[in-house]
């Protein structure tokens, strides 16, 4: 399938929610479940650290954490935001995580790079769910140092949808970006994975179905022919 821009995939998701009555929470569940299925297929049960931002990308990561825990992985969630800052759908999934007693820690705001690096060192596999396709601003300060901690760890990294710090349209690195071993992109591939710095940061790219209706995708593809 042809790569799409952030505005195009958002429009498709909006239509799925509005015209097909698919709740946004279900799209998030489908995304996280699909990613966890890939990880269960390709990795033995091991220690996994999921780095979670406040938006829907972070929500996808929380769903991944839940399903991996159910499949015997030793999962730890590291939150880069306060619980109060989580958006509505990610917050619901975070509450489930807590009720399942999956370990949750918060990144030390005084020394985020060392805090993240330490979490990485006690893990075999890292899930990058910090920033999604909506990122347009320069990554600096706290988040820059946190991402540097992931990079410095040299652990195997799976990025959800797009490596955090990479522009979904242009493939530009906004100051710093995760270098993933694999990127599991959602619904349709994103343009930024294939242009600019994208190929140097995405690693192996695999498409994950999130349940966008076939009729919607066919209509969209026909309009673009």
N, C-alpha and C. Protein backbone atom coordinates (compact mmCIF):
# COMPACT_ATOMS: atom_id res chain seq x y z
N UNK A 1 0.83 -1.20 0.00
CA UNK A 1 0.00 0.00 0.00
C UNK A 1 0.87 1.26 0.00
N UNK A 2 0.36 2.31 -0.59
CA UNK A 2 1.11 3.55 -0.66
C UNK A 2 1.23 4.21 0.70
N UNK A 3 2.39 4.79 0.99
CA UNK A 3 2.54 5.52 2.25
C UNK A 3 1.60 6.73 2.29
N UNK A 4 1.19 7.09 3.50
CA UNK A 4 0.26 8.20 3.68
C UNK A 4 0.86 9.24 4.62
N UNK A 5 0.30 10.42 4.58
CA UNK A 5 0.69 11.50 5.48
C UNK A 5 -0.06 11.37 6.80
N UNK A 6 0.37 12.14 7.78
CA UNK A 6 -0.32 12.12 9.08
C UNK A 6 -1.77 12.58 8.93
N UNK A 7 -2.00 13.59 8.09
CA UNK A 7 -3.37 14.10 7.91
C UNK A 7 -4.26 13.06 7.24
N UNK A 8 -3.71 12.30 6.31
CA UNK A 8 -4.50 11.28 5.62
C UNK A 8 -4.92 10.17 6.58
N UNK A 9 -3.99 9.64 7.37
CA UNK A 9 -4.36 8.55 8.27
C UNK A 9 -5.30 9.04 9.36
N UNK A 10 -5.12 10.27 9.80
CA UNK A 10 -6.04 10.80 10.79
C UNK A 10 -7.44 10.94 10.22
N UNK A 11 -7.53 11.37 8.96
CA UNK A 11 -8.83 11.49 8.31
C UNK A 11 -9.50 10.13 8.20
N UNK A 12 -8.75 9.11 7.81
CA UNK A 12 -9.30 7.77 7.71
C UNK A 12 -9.80 7.27 9.07
N UNK A 13 -9.05 7.54 10.12
CA UNK A 13 -9.47 7.12 11.45
C UNK A 13 -10.73 7.88 11.88
N UNK A 14 -10.79 9.15 11.55
CA UNK A 14 -11.98 9.95 11.87
C UNK A 14 -13.22 9.40 11.18
N UNK A 15 -13.07 9.02 9.92
CA UNK A 15 -14.20 8.44 9.18
C UNK A 15 -14.61 7.10 9.79
N UNK A 16 -13.61 6.29 10.16
CA UNK A 16 -13.91 5.00 10.78
C UNK A 16 -14.70 5.18 12.08
N UNK A 17 -14.33 6.19 12.84
CA UNK A 17 -15.00 6.45 14.12
C UNK A 17 -16.40 7.02 13.89
N UNK A 18 -16.51 8.00 12.99
CA UNK A 18 -17.77 8.71 12.80
C UNK A 18 -18.76 7.94 11.93
N UNK A 19 -18.30 7.46 10.77
CA UNK A 19 -19.22 6.86 9.80
C UNK A 19 -19.40 5.37 9.97
N UNK A 20 -18.40 4.69 10.57
CA UNK A 20 -18.50 3.24 10.76
C UNK A 20 -18.73 2.86 12.22
N UNK A 21 -18.84 3.87 13.08
CA UNK A 21 -19.15 3.65 14.51
C UNK A 21 -18.13 2.77 15.22
N UNK A 22 -16.86 2.90 14.82
CA UNK A 22 -15.80 2.16 15.49
C UNK A 22 -15.19 3.05 16.57
N UNK A 23 -15.32 2.69 17.83
CA UNK A 23 -14.78 3.55 18.90
C UNK A 23 -13.26 3.69 18.79
N UNK A 24 -12.76 4.87 19.12
CA UNK A 24 -11.31 5.09 19.10
C UNK A 24 -10.59 4.12 20.02
N UNK A 25 -11.23 3.76 21.11
CA UNK A 25 -10.62 2.82 22.05
C UNK A 25 -10.44 1.44 21.41
N UNK A 26 -11.36 1.09 20.50
CA UNK A 26 -11.24 -0.20 19.82
C UNK A 26 -10.10 -0.17 18.81
N UNK A 27 -9.92 0.96 18.12
CA UNK A 27 -8.78 1.08 17.21
C UNK A 27 -7.46 0.95 17.98
N UNK A 28 -7.41 1.53 19.18
CA UNK A 28 -6.22 1.43 20.01
C UNK A 28 -5.99 -0.02 20.46
N UNK A 29 -7.06 -0.68 20.82
CA UNK A 29 -6.97 -2.07 21.23
C UNK A 29 -6.48 -2.94 20.08
N UNK A 30 -7.02 -2.71 18.89
CA UNK A 30 -6.60 -3.48 17.72
C UNK A 30 -5.11 -3.26 17.43
N UNK A 31 -4.67 -2.00 17.55
CA UNK A 31 -3.27 -1.67 17.30
C UNK A 31 -2.36 -2.40 18.29
N UNK A 32 -2.66 -2.26 19.57
CA UNK A 32 -1.82 -2.88 20.59
C UNK A 32 -1.83 -4.39 20.52
N UNK A 33 -3.01 -4.95 20.25
CA UNK A 33 -3.11 -6.40 20.14
C UNK A 33 -2.33 -6.90 18.93
N UNK A 34 -2.43 -6.18 17.82
CA UNK A 34 -1.69 -6.59 16.63
C UNK A 34 -0.18 -6.55 16.84
N UNK A 35 0.29 -5.51 17.51
CA UNK A 35 1.71 -5.40 17.79
C UNK A 35 2.17 -6.52 18.73
N UNK A 36 1.39 -6.77 19.76
CA UNK A 36 1.77 -7.83 20.70
C UNK A 36 1.79 -9.19 20.00
N UNK A 37 0.89 -9.41 19.05
CA UNK A 37 0.89 -10.67 18.29
C UNK A 37 2.20 -10.84 17.53
N UNK A 38 2.68 -9.75 16.93
CA UNK A 38 3.95 -9.81 16.20
C UNK A 38 5.11 -10.12 17.16
N UNK A 39 5.11 -9.46 18.31
CA UNK A 39 6.20 -9.67 19.27
C UNK A 39 6.16 -11.09 19.84
N UNK A 40 4.97 -11.61 20.09
CA UNK A 40 4.86 -12.99 20.58
C UNK A 40 5.30 -13.98 19.51
N UNK A 41 5.07 -13.62 18.26
CA UNK A 41 5.48 -14.49 17.13
C UNK A 41 6.99 -14.54 16.96
N UNK A 42 7.65 -13.40 17.17
CA UNK A 42 9.05 -13.27 16.78
C UNK A 42 10.04 -13.26 17.94
N UNK A 43 9.54 -13.15 19.18
CA UNK A 43 10.44 -13.10 20.34
C UNK A 43 9.98 -14.09 21.39
N UNK A 44 10.95 -14.71 22.05
CA UNK A 44 10.60 -15.57 23.19
C UNK A 44 10.23 -14.67 24.36
N UNK A 45 9.45 -15.21 25.28
CA UNK A 45 9.05 -14.45 26.46
C UNK A 45 10.28 -13.95 27.19
N UNK A 46 10.35 -12.65 27.40
CA UNK A 46 11.55 -12.06 27.97
C UNK A 46 11.19 -10.79 28.72
N UNK A 47 12.20 -10.06 29.16
CA UNK A 47 11.98 -8.82 29.90
C UNK A 47 11.75 -7.67 28.91
N UNK A 48 10.61 -7.03 29.03
CA UNK A 48 10.23 -5.97 28.10
C UNK A 48 9.97 -4.69 28.88
N UNK A 49 10.52 -3.60 28.39
CA UNK A 49 10.28 -2.29 28.98
C UNK A 49 9.55 -1.43 27.95
N UNK A 50 8.37 -0.94 28.32
CA UNK A 50 7.55 -0.12 27.43
C UNK A 50 7.63 1.33 27.87
N UNK A 51 8.18 2.19 27.02
CA UNK A 51 8.30 3.61 27.32
C UNK A 51 7.08 4.34 26.76
N UNK A 52 6.34 4.98 27.64
CA UNK A 52 5.00 5.46 27.32
C UNK A 52 4.88 6.97 27.41
N UNK A 53 4.40 7.59 26.33
CA UNK A 53 4.09 9.01 26.33
C UNK A 53 2.62 9.24 26.65
N UNK A 54 2.17 10.49 26.58
CA UNK A 54 0.82 10.83 27.05
C UNK A 54 -0.28 10.61 26.03
N UNK A 55 0.08 10.47 24.74
CA UNK A 55 -0.93 10.44 23.69
C UNK A 55 -1.34 9.04 23.28
N UNK A 56 -1.97 8.95 22.11
CA UNK A 56 -2.49 7.67 21.64
C UNK A 56 -1.39 6.66 21.34
N UNK A 57 -0.22 7.14 20.94
CA UNK A 57 0.91 6.23 20.75
C UNK A 57 1.25 5.54 22.06
N UNK A 58 1.25 6.31 23.13
CA UNK A 58 1.46 5.74 24.46
C UNK A 58 0.36 4.77 24.84
N UNK A 59 -0.88 5.10 24.46
CA UNK A 59 -2.00 4.20 24.72
C UNK A 59 -1.83 2.87 24.01
N UNK A 60 -1.36 2.93 22.76
CA UNK A 60 -1.06 1.68 22.04
C UNK A 60 -0.03 0.86 22.81
N UNK A 61 0.99 1.55 23.33
CA UNK A 61 2.03 0.86 24.08
C UNK A 61 1.51 0.20 25.34
N UNK A 62 0.54 0.84 25.98
CA UNK A 62 -0.04 0.25 27.19
C UNK A 62 -0.84 -1.01 26.86
N UNK A 63 -1.53 -1.01 25.72
CA UNK A 63 -2.22 -2.23 25.29
C UNK A 63 -1.22 -3.33 25.00
N UNK A 64 -0.11 -2.98 24.35
CA UNK A 64 0.95 -3.96 24.09
C UNK A 64 1.45 -4.55 25.41
N UNK A 65 1.70 -3.70 26.38
CA UNK A 65 2.20 -4.17 27.68
C UNK A 65 1.23 -5.16 28.32
N UNK A 66 -0.04 -4.85 28.25
CA UNK A 66 -1.05 -5.73 28.85
C UNK A 66 -1.06 -7.11 28.20
N UNK A 67 -1.07 -7.13 26.86
CA UNK A 67 -1.14 -8.42 26.17
C UNK A 67 0.15 -9.22 26.32
N UNK A 68 1.29 -8.54 26.31
CA UNK A 68 2.54 -9.27 26.52
C UNK A 68 2.59 -9.89 27.91
N UNK A 69 2.11 -9.14 28.91
CA UNK A 69 2.07 -9.69 30.27
C UNK A 69 1.18 -10.93 30.32
N UNK A 70 0.07 -10.90 29.60
CA UNK A 70 -0.82 -12.06 29.58
C UNK A 70 -0.19 -13.26 28.89
N UNK A 71 0.83 -13.01 28.05
CA UNK A 71 1.50 -14.10 27.33
C UNK A 71 2.82 -14.48 27.99
N UNK A 72 3.03 -14.07 29.23
CA UNK A 72 4.17 -14.56 29.98
C UNK A 72 5.42 -13.72 29.90
N UNK A 73 5.37 -12.58 29.23
CA UNK A 73 6.53 -11.69 29.21
C UNK A 73 6.64 -10.95 30.55
N UNK A 74 7.85 -10.68 30.95
CA UNK A 74 8.12 -9.91 32.17
C UNK A 74 8.11 -8.43 31.77
N UNK A 75 6.97 -7.78 31.97
CA UNK A 75 6.74 -6.44 31.43
C UNK A 75 6.86 -5.37 32.51
N UNK A 76 7.50 -4.29 32.12
CA UNK A 76 7.60 -3.10 32.96
C UNK A 76 7.21 -1.88 32.14
N UNK A 77 6.37 -1.04 32.70
CA UNK A 77 5.93 0.20 32.04
C UNK A 77 6.69 1.37 32.64
N UNK A 78 7.29 2.19 31.77
CA UNK A 78 7.97 3.40 32.22
C UNK A 78 7.24 4.59 31.62
N UNK A 79 6.65 5.40 32.47
CA UNK A 79 5.83 6.53 32.03
C UNK A 79 6.67 7.79 31.98
N UNK A 80 6.58 8.50 30.85
CA UNK A 80 7.32 9.75 30.70
C UNK A 80 6.44 10.96 30.98
N UNK A 81 5.26 10.72 31.47
CA UNK A 81 4.32 11.78 31.83
C UNK A 81 3.70 11.43 33.18
N UNK A 82 3.05 12.41 33.80
CA UNK A 82 2.27 12.10 34.98
C UNK A 82 0.96 11.46 34.54
N UNK A 83 0.36 10.71 35.42
CA UNK A 83 -0.93 10.09 35.10
C UNK A 83 -1.97 11.15 34.74
N UNK A 84 -1.91 12.29 35.40
CA UNK A 84 -2.89 13.36 35.17
C UNK A 84 -2.80 13.92 33.76
N UNK A 85 -1.65 13.78 33.10
CA UNK A 85 -1.47 14.33 31.76
C UNK A 85 -1.86 13.37 30.64
N UNK A 86 -2.19 12.13 30.98
CA UNK A 86 -2.55 11.16 29.95
C UNK A 86 -3.88 11.55 29.31
N UNK A 87 -3.97 11.36 27.99
CA UNK A 87 -5.22 11.61 27.29
C UNK A 87 -6.22 10.52 27.65
N UNK A 88 -7.47 10.69 27.23
CA UNK A 88 -8.56 9.86 27.76
C UNK A 88 -8.40 8.37 27.47
N UNK A 89 -8.15 7.98 26.22
CA UNK A 89 -8.02 6.56 25.91
C UNK A 89 -6.77 5.95 26.54
N UNK A 90 -5.60 6.60 26.46
CA UNK A 90 -4.45 6.07 27.18
C UNK A 90 -4.68 5.95 28.68
N UNK A 91 -5.42 6.89 29.26
CA UNK A 91 -5.68 6.83 30.70
C UNK A 91 -6.48 5.58 31.06
N UNK A 92 -7.46 5.24 30.24
CA UNK A 92 -8.24 4.02 30.49
C UNK A 92 -7.31 2.80 30.50
N UNK A 93 -6.43 2.73 29.52
CA UNK A 93 -5.52 1.58 29.46
C UNK A 93 -4.49 1.60 30.59
N UNK A 94 -4.11 2.79 31.03
CA UNK A 94 -3.19 2.87 32.17
C UNK A 94 -3.86 2.36 33.45
N UNK A 95 -5.12 2.67 33.61
CA UNK A 95 -5.86 2.19 34.78
C UNK A 95 -5.96 0.67 34.78
N UNK A 96 -6.11 0.08 33.59
CA UNK A 96 -6.14 -1.38 33.49
C UNK A 96 -4.78 -1.96 33.89
N UNK A 97 -3.72 -1.32 33.40
CA UNK A 97 -2.36 -1.76 33.73
C UNK A 97 -2.15 -1.80 35.24
N UNK A 98 -2.59 -0.76 35.90
CA UNK A 98 -2.43 -0.69 37.36
C UNK A 98 -3.20 -1.80 38.05
N UNK A 99 -4.41 -2.06 37.59
CA UNK A 99 -5.24 -3.10 38.21
C UNK A 99 -4.67 -4.50 37.97
N UNK A 100 -3.90 -4.64 36.89
CA UNK A 100 -3.24 -5.91 36.62
C UNK A 100 -1.93 -6.06 37.38
N UNK A 101 -1.57 -5.02 38.13
CA UNK A 101 -0.32 -5.01 38.92
C UNK A 101 0.93 -5.17 38.06
N UNK A 102 0.86 -4.67 36.83
CA UNK A 102 2.07 -4.59 36.01
C UNK A 102 2.92 -3.45 36.56
N UNK A 103 4.20 -3.69 36.82
CA UNK A 103 5.04 -2.65 37.43
C UNK A 103 5.09 -1.38 36.59
N UNK A 104 4.92 -0.25 37.25
CA UNK A 104 4.97 1.06 36.60
C UNK A 104 5.96 1.94 37.33
N UNK A 105 6.86 2.55 36.59
CA UNK A 105 7.77 3.53 37.17
C UNK A 105 7.70 4.81 36.34
N UNK A 106 8.19 5.89 36.92
CA UNK A 106 8.21 7.18 36.24
C UNK A 106 9.65 7.61 36.04
N UNK A 107 9.91 8.26 34.92
CA UNK A 107 11.26 8.72 34.62
C UNK A 107 11.63 9.85 35.57
N UNK A 108 12.83 9.77 36.11
CA UNK A 108 13.35 10.81 37.00
C UNK A 108 13.52 12.10 36.23
N UNK A 109 12.79 13.13 36.62
CA UNK A 109 12.85 14.40 35.88
C UNK A 109 14.20 15.11 36.04
N UNK A 110 14.93 14.79 37.11
CA UNK A 110 16.22 15.43 37.34
C UNK A 110 17.33 14.83 36.48
N UNK A 111 17.21 13.55 36.17
CA UNK A 111 18.25 12.87 35.36
C UNK A 111 17.57 11.84 34.46
N UNK A 112 16.81 12.32 33.47
CA UNK A 112 16.04 11.39 32.63
C UNK A 112 16.89 10.42 31.84
N UNK A 113 18.06 10.85 31.37
CA UNK A 113 18.87 9.95 30.56
C UNK A 113 19.33 8.75 31.38
N UNK A 114 19.83 8.99 32.57
CA UNK A 114 20.28 7.89 33.42
C UNK A 114 19.12 7.02 33.87
N UNK A 115 17.97 7.64 34.15
CA UNK A 115 16.79 6.91 34.57
C UNK A 115 16.33 5.95 33.48
N UNK A 116 16.25 6.44 32.25
CA UNK A 116 15.83 5.61 31.13
C UNK A 116 16.89 4.56 30.81
N UNK A 117 18.15 4.94 30.83
CA UNK A 117 19.22 4.00 30.54
C UNK A 117 19.20 2.85 31.54
N UNK A 118 18.97 3.15 32.80
CA UNK A 118 18.91 2.11 33.82
C UNK A 118 17.77 1.14 33.57
N UNK A 119 16.60 1.67 33.16
CA UNK A 119 15.46 0.80 32.86
C UNK A 119 15.78 -0.09 31.66
N UNK A 120 16.48 0.46 30.70
CA UNK A 120 16.85 -0.32 29.51
C UNK A 120 17.80 -1.47 29.87
N UNK A 121 18.72 -1.19 30.77
CA UNK A 121 19.74 -2.19 31.11
C UNK A 121 19.14 -3.43 31.75
N UNK A 122 18.01 -3.27 32.40
CA UNK A 122 17.37 -4.43 33.05
C UNK A 122 16.32 -5.07 32.14
N UNK A 123 16.37 -4.78 30.83
CA UNK A 123 15.40 -5.29 29.88
C UNK A 123 16.10 -5.92 28.69
N UNK A 124 15.38 -6.82 28.01
CA UNK A 124 15.90 -7.44 26.78
C UNK A 124 15.34 -6.77 25.54
N UNK A 125 14.14 -6.24 25.66
CA UNK A 125 13.43 -5.67 24.51
C UNK A 125 12.76 -4.37 24.96
N UNK A 126 12.88 -3.33 24.12
CA UNK A 126 12.29 -2.04 24.44
C UNK A 126 11.17 -1.73 23.45
N UNK A 127 10.07 -1.22 23.98
CA UNK A 127 8.96 -0.76 23.13
C UNK A 127 8.90 0.75 23.22
N UNK A 128 9.06 1.39 22.09
CA UNK A 128 9.05 2.86 22.00
C UNK A 128 7.64 3.33 21.67
N UNK A 129 6.97 3.89 22.66
CA UNK A 129 5.61 4.43 22.48
C UNK A 129 5.56 5.83 23.10
N UNK A 130 6.55 6.64 22.78
CA UNK A 130 6.67 7.98 23.39
C UNK A 130 5.95 9.02 22.56
N UNK A 131 6.36 9.17 21.30
CA UNK A 131 5.71 10.10 20.38
C UNK A 131 5.18 9.32 19.18
N UNK A 132 4.04 9.74 18.68
CA UNK A 132 3.50 9.13 17.47
C UNK A 132 3.65 10.03 16.27
N UNK A 133 2.71 9.92 15.35
CA UNK A 133 2.80 10.66 14.09
C UNK A 133 2.51 12.14 14.25
N UNK A 134 1.93 12.54 15.38
CA UNK A 134 1.56 13.93 15.56
C UNK A 134 2.71 14.86 15.88
N UNK A 135 3.89 14.31 16.14
CA UNK A 135 5.03 15.15 16.54
C UNK A 135 5.43 16.10 15.42
N UNK A 136 5.45 17.40 15.74
CA UNK A 136 5.90 18.42 14.78
C UNK A 136 7.00 19.31 15.39
N UNK A 137 7.13 19.28 16.72
CA UNK A 137 8.05 20.21 17.38
C UNK A 137 9.42 19.57 17.61
N UNK A 138 10.39 20.41 17.89
CA UNK A 138 11.75 19.97 18.19
C UNK A 138 11.76 19.24 19.53
N UNK A 139 12.46 18.13 19.59
CA UNK A 139 12.56 17.36 20.83
C UNK A 139 13.78 17.84 21.60
N UNK A 140 13.57 18.40 22.77
CA UNK A 140 14.69 18.87 23.57
C UNK A 140 14.41 18.64 25.05
N UNK A 141 15.33 19.07 25.88
CA UNK A 141 15.12 18.99 27.33
C UNK A 141 14.91 17.58 27.82
N UNK A 142 13.89 17.39 28.62
CA UNK A 142 13.58 16.11 29.26
C UNK A 142 13.47 14.98 28.24
N UNK A 143 12.71 15.19 27.18
CA UNK A 143 12.46 14.12 26.22
C UNK A 143 13.69 13.80 25.38
N UNK A 144 14.47 14.81 25.07
CA UNK A 144 15.72 14.56 24.36
C UNK A 144 16.63 13.65 25.18
N UNK A 145 16.76 13.96 26.45
CA UNK A 145 17.63 13.15 27.31
C UNK A 145 17.08 11.74 27.49
N UNK A 146 15.75 11.63 27.60
CA UNK A 146 15.13 10.30 27.74
C UNK A 146 15.41 9.44 26.51
N UNK A 147 15.24 10.02 25.32
CA UNK A 147 15.50 9.27 24.10
C UNK A 147 16.99 8.93 23.98
N UNK A 148 17.86 9.84 24.42
CA UNK A 148 19.29 9.54 24.42
C UNK A 148 19.60 8.32 25.29
N UNK A 149 18.84 8.15 26.38
CA UNK A 149 19.03 6.98 27.23
C UNK A 149 18.70 5.69 26.50
N UNK A 150 17.65 5.72 25.67
CA UNK A 150 17.30 4.55 24.86
C UNK A 150 18.38 4.28 23.84
N UNK A 151 18.82 5.32 23.14
CA UNK A 151 19.85 5.16 22.12
C UNK A 151 21.14 4.59 22.72
N UNK A 152 21.54 5.12 23.87
CA UNK A 152 22.80 4.71 24.50
C UNK A 152 22.76 3.26 24.97
N UNK A 153 21.57 2.75 25.24
CA UNK A 153 21.45 1.38 25.77
C UNK A 153 21.82 0.31 24.75
N UNK A 154 21.63 0.63 23.45
CA UNK A 154 21.92 -0.31 22.36
C UNK A 154 21.11 -1.60 22.47
N UNK A 155 19.95 -1.51 23.10
CA UNK A 155 19.06 -2.65 23.20
C UNK A 155 18.19 -2.76 21.93
N UNK A 156 17.55 -3.90 21.75
CA UNK A 156 16.62 -4.07 20.63
C UNK A 156 15.38 -3.22 20.88
N UNK A 157 15.05 -2.36 19.91
CA UNK A 157 13.94 -1.42 20.07
C UNK A 157 12.87 -1.68 19.01
N UNK A 158 11.62 -1.76 19.47
CA UNK A 158 10.46 -1.83 18.60
C UNK A 158 9.71 -0.52 18.73
N UNK A 159 9.61 0.23 17.63
CA UNK A 159 8.86 1.48 17.66
C UNK A 159 7.44 1.26 17.15
N UNK A 160 6.50 1.89 17.83
CA UNK A 160 5.10 1.79 17.42
C UNK A 160 4.77 2.91 16.45
N UNK A 161 4.38 2.57 15.26
CA UNK A 161 3.93 3.44 14.18
C UNK A 161 5.07 4.20 13.52
N UNK A 162 5.89 4.90 14.32
CA UNK A 162 7.04 5.62 13.78
C UNK A 162 8.03 5.85 14.92
N UNK A 163 9.32 5.78 14.68
CA UNK A 163 10.27 6.03 15.77
C UNK A 163 10.06 7.42 16.39
N UNK A 164 10.05 7.48 17.69
CA UNK A 164 9.81 8.75 18.38
C UNK A 164 10.89 9.76 18.04
N UNK A 165 10.44 10.95 17.61
CA UNK A 165 11.35 12.01 17.22
C UNK A 165 11.45 12.19 15.72
N UNK A 166 10.87 11.25 14.96
CA UNK A 166 10.92 11.31 13.50
C UNK A 166 9.62 11.92 12.98
N UNK A 167 9.73 12.82 12.01
CA UNK A 167 8.54 13.44 11.42
C UNK A 167 7.83 12.45 10.50
N UNK A 168 6.53 12.27 10.70
CA UNK A 168 5.78 11.26 9.96
C UNK A 168 5.61 11.60 8.49
N UNK A 169 5.77 12.86 8.13
CA UNK A 169 5.61 13.27 6.74
C UNK A 169 6.93 13.38 6.00
N UNK A 170 7.92 14.01 6.63
CA UNK A 170 9.16 14.35 5.94
C UNK A 170 10.33 13.42 6.25
N UNK A 171 10.20 12.64 7.33
CA UNK A 171 11.32 11.81 7.76
C UNK A 171 12.42 12.60 8.44
N UNK A 172 12.16 13.86 8.76
CA UNK A 172 13.16 14.68 9.45
C UNK A 172 13.25 14.28 10.91
N UNK A 173 14.46 14.26 11.43
CA UNK A 173 14.67 14.05 12.86
C UNK A 173 14.51 15.39 13.55
N UNK A 174 13.59 15.45 14.50
CA UNK A 174 13.35 16.69 15.23
C UNK A 174 14.31 16.79 16.42
N UNK A 175 15.59 16.95 16.11
CA UNK A 175 16.59 17.07 17.16
C UNK A 175 17.22 15.75 17.53
N UNK A 176 16.40 14.80 17.93
CA UNK A 176 16.86 13.46 18.27
C UNK A 176 15.71 12.50 18.00
N UNK A 177 16.05 11.28 17.60
CA UNK A 177 15.00 10.28 17.33
C UNK A 177 15.51 8.90 17.70
N UNK A 178 14.59 8.07 18.13
CA UNK A 178 14.90 6.67 18.41
C UNK A 178 15.37 5.99 17.13
N UNK A 179 16.39 5.17 17.24
CA UNK A 179 16.81 4.31 16.14
C UNK A 179 16.28 2.92 16.43
N UNK A 180 15.23 2.54 15.71
CA UNK A 180 14.54 1.28 15.98
C UNK A 180 15.15 0.14 15.19
N UNK A 181 15.08 -1.04 15.74
CA UNK A 181 15.40 -2.24 14.98
C UNK A 181 14.23 -2.63 14.08
N UNK A 182 13.03 -2.35 14.59
CA UNK A 182 11.82 -2.61 13.81
C UNK A 182 10.79 -1.53 14.12
N UNK A 183 10.03 -1.16 13.09
CA UNK A 183 8.91 -0.26 13.28
C UNK A 183 7.64 -0.97 12.84
N UNK A 184 6.69 -1.09 13.75
CA UNK A 184 5.40 -1.70 13.44
C UNK A 184 4.42 -0.56 13.22
N UNK A 185 4.18 -0.24 11.95
CA UNK A 185 3.38 0.92 11.61
C UNK A 185 1.92 0.52 11.46
N UNK A 186 1.02 1.42 11.76
CA UNK A 186 -0.38 1.07 12.01
C UNK A 186 -1.32 1.51 10.88
N UNK A 187 -2.13 0.58 10.41
CA UNK A 187 -3.17 0.90 9.44
C UNK A 187 -2.65 1.00 8.03
N UNK A 188 -1.82 2.00 7.78
CA UNK A 188 -1.16 2.23 6.50
C UNK A 188 0.25 2.74 6.77
N UNK A 189 1.21 2.46 5.89
CA UNK A 189 2.58 2.95 6.12
C UNK A 189 2.64 4.47 6.06
N UNK A 190 3.55 5.06 6.83
CA UNK A 190 3.69 6.52 6.90
C UNK A 190 4.84 6.98 6.00
N UNK A 191 4.63 8.11 5.33
CA UNK A 191 5.60 8.62 4.38
C UNK A 191 6.99 8.80 4.99
N UNK A 192 7.02 9.30 6.22
CA UNK A 192 8.30 9.62 6.85
C UNK A 192 9.20 8.44 7.10
N UNK A 193 8.66 7.23 7.02
CA UNK A 193 9.50 6.04 7.20
C UNK A 193 10.40 5.79 6.01
N UNK A 194 10.08 6.37 4.86
CA UNK A 194 10.76 6.04 3.62
C UNK A 194 11.55 7.19 3.00
N UNK A 195 11.46 8.37 3.60
CA UNK A 195 12.16 9.53 3.05
C UNK A 195 13.01 10.18 4.15
N UNK A 196 13.88 11.10 3.73
CA UNK A 196 14.71 11.81 4.70
C UNK A 196 15.53 10.85 5.54
N UNK A 197 15.48 11.04 6.86
CA UNK A 197 16.22 10.19 7.79
C UNK A 197 15.45 8.92 8.17
N UNK A 198 14.23 8.78 7.62
CA UNK A 198 13.39 7.65 8.00
C UNK A 198 14.04 6.29 7.87
N UNK A 199 14.62 5.96 6.72
CA UNK A 199 15.21 4.63 6.56
C UNK A 199 16.34 4.34 7.54
N UNK A 200 17.02 5.38 8.03
CA UNK A 200 18.11 5.17 8.98
C UNK A 200 17.60 4.93 10.40
N UNK A 201 16.33 5.22 10.65
CA UNK A 201 15.79 5.10 12.01
C UNK A 201 14.70 4.04 12.15
N UNK A 202 14.08 3.64 11.05
CA UNK A 202 12.91 2.76 11.14
C UNK A 202 13.26 1.30 11.30
N UNK A 203 14.43 0.87 10.80
CA UNK A 203 14.74 -0.54 10.81
C UNK A 203 13.80 -1.30 9.89
N UNK A 204 13.52 -2.54 10.20
CA UNK A 204 12.57 -3.33 9.42
C UNK A 204 11.16 -2.81 9.68
N UNK A 205 10.41 -2.58 8.61
CA UNK A 205 9.06 -2.01 8.72
C UNK A 205 8.03 -3.10 8.46
N UNK A 206 7.05 -3.19 9.34
CA UNK A 206 5.96 -4.15 9.16
C UNK A 206 4.64 -3.44 9.44
N UNK A 207 3.65 -3.72 8.60
CA UNK A 207 2.33 -3.10 8.73
C UNK A 207 1.47 -3.92 9.67
N UNK A 208 0.78 -3.23 10.59
CA UNK A 208 -0.13 -3.88 11.53
C UNK A 208 -1.56 -3.41 11.27
N UNK A 209 -2.46 -4.35 11.08
CA UNK A 209 -3.87 -4.04 10.84
C UNK A 209 -4.51 -3.54 12.13
N UNK A 210 -5.24 -2.41 12.04
CA UNK A 210 -5.93 -1.89 13.22
C UNK A 210 -7.44 -1.94 13.06
N UNK A 211 -7.90 -2.60 12.00
CA UNK A 211 -9.34 -2.77 11.83
C UNK A 211 -10.05 -1.67 11.07
N UNK A 212 -9.30 -0.88 10.28
CA UNK A 212 -9.96 0.08 9.40
C UNK A 212 -10.76 -0.70 8.36
N UNK A 213 -12.04 -0.36 8.15
CA UNK A 213 -12.88 -1.15 7.24
C UNK A 213 -12.32 -1.23 5.82
N UNK A 214 -12.46 -2.40 5.22
CA UNK A 214 -11.96 -2.61 3.86
C UNK A 214 -12.60 -1.62 2.89
N UNK A 215 -13.89 -1.36 3.07
CA UNK A 215 -14.59 -0.44 2.17
C UNK A 215 -13.98 0.96 2.24
N UNK A 216 -13.59 1.36 3.43
CA UNK A 216 -12.99 2.68 3.61
C UNK A 216 -11.63 2.74 2.92
N UNK A 217 -10.82 1.72 3.09
CA UNK A 217 -9.49 1.70 2.49
C UNK A 217 -9.56 1.64 0.97
N UNK A 218 -10.47 0.83 0.45
CA UNK A 218 -10.62 0.72 -1.00
C UNK A 218 -11.10 2.04 -1.59
N UNK A 219 -12.03 2.68 -0.92
CA UNK A 219 -12.53 3.98 -1.38
C UNK A 219 -11.39 5.00 -1.39
N UNK A 220 -10.59 4.98 -0.36
CA UNK A 220 -9.47 5.91 -0.27
C UNK A 220 -8.45 5.66 -1.37
N UNK A 221 -8.11 4.39 -1.57
CA UNK A 221 -7.10 4.06 -2.58
C UNK A 221 -7.60 4.41 -3.99
N UNK A 222 -8.90 4.18 -4.25
CA UNK A 222 -9.46 4.51 -5.56
C UNK A 222 -9.42 6.01 -5.81
N UNK A 223 -9.65 6.80 -4.75
CA UNK A 223 -9.61 8.26 -4.89
C UNK A 223 -8.22 8.75 -5.24
N UNK A 224 -7.20 7.99 -4.85
CA UNK A 224 -5.82 8.42 -5.07
C UNK A 224 -5.24 7.94 -6.39
N UNK A 225 -5.99 7.07 -7.09
CA UNK A 225 -5.47 6.53 -8.37
C UNK A 225 -5.48 7.61 -9.45
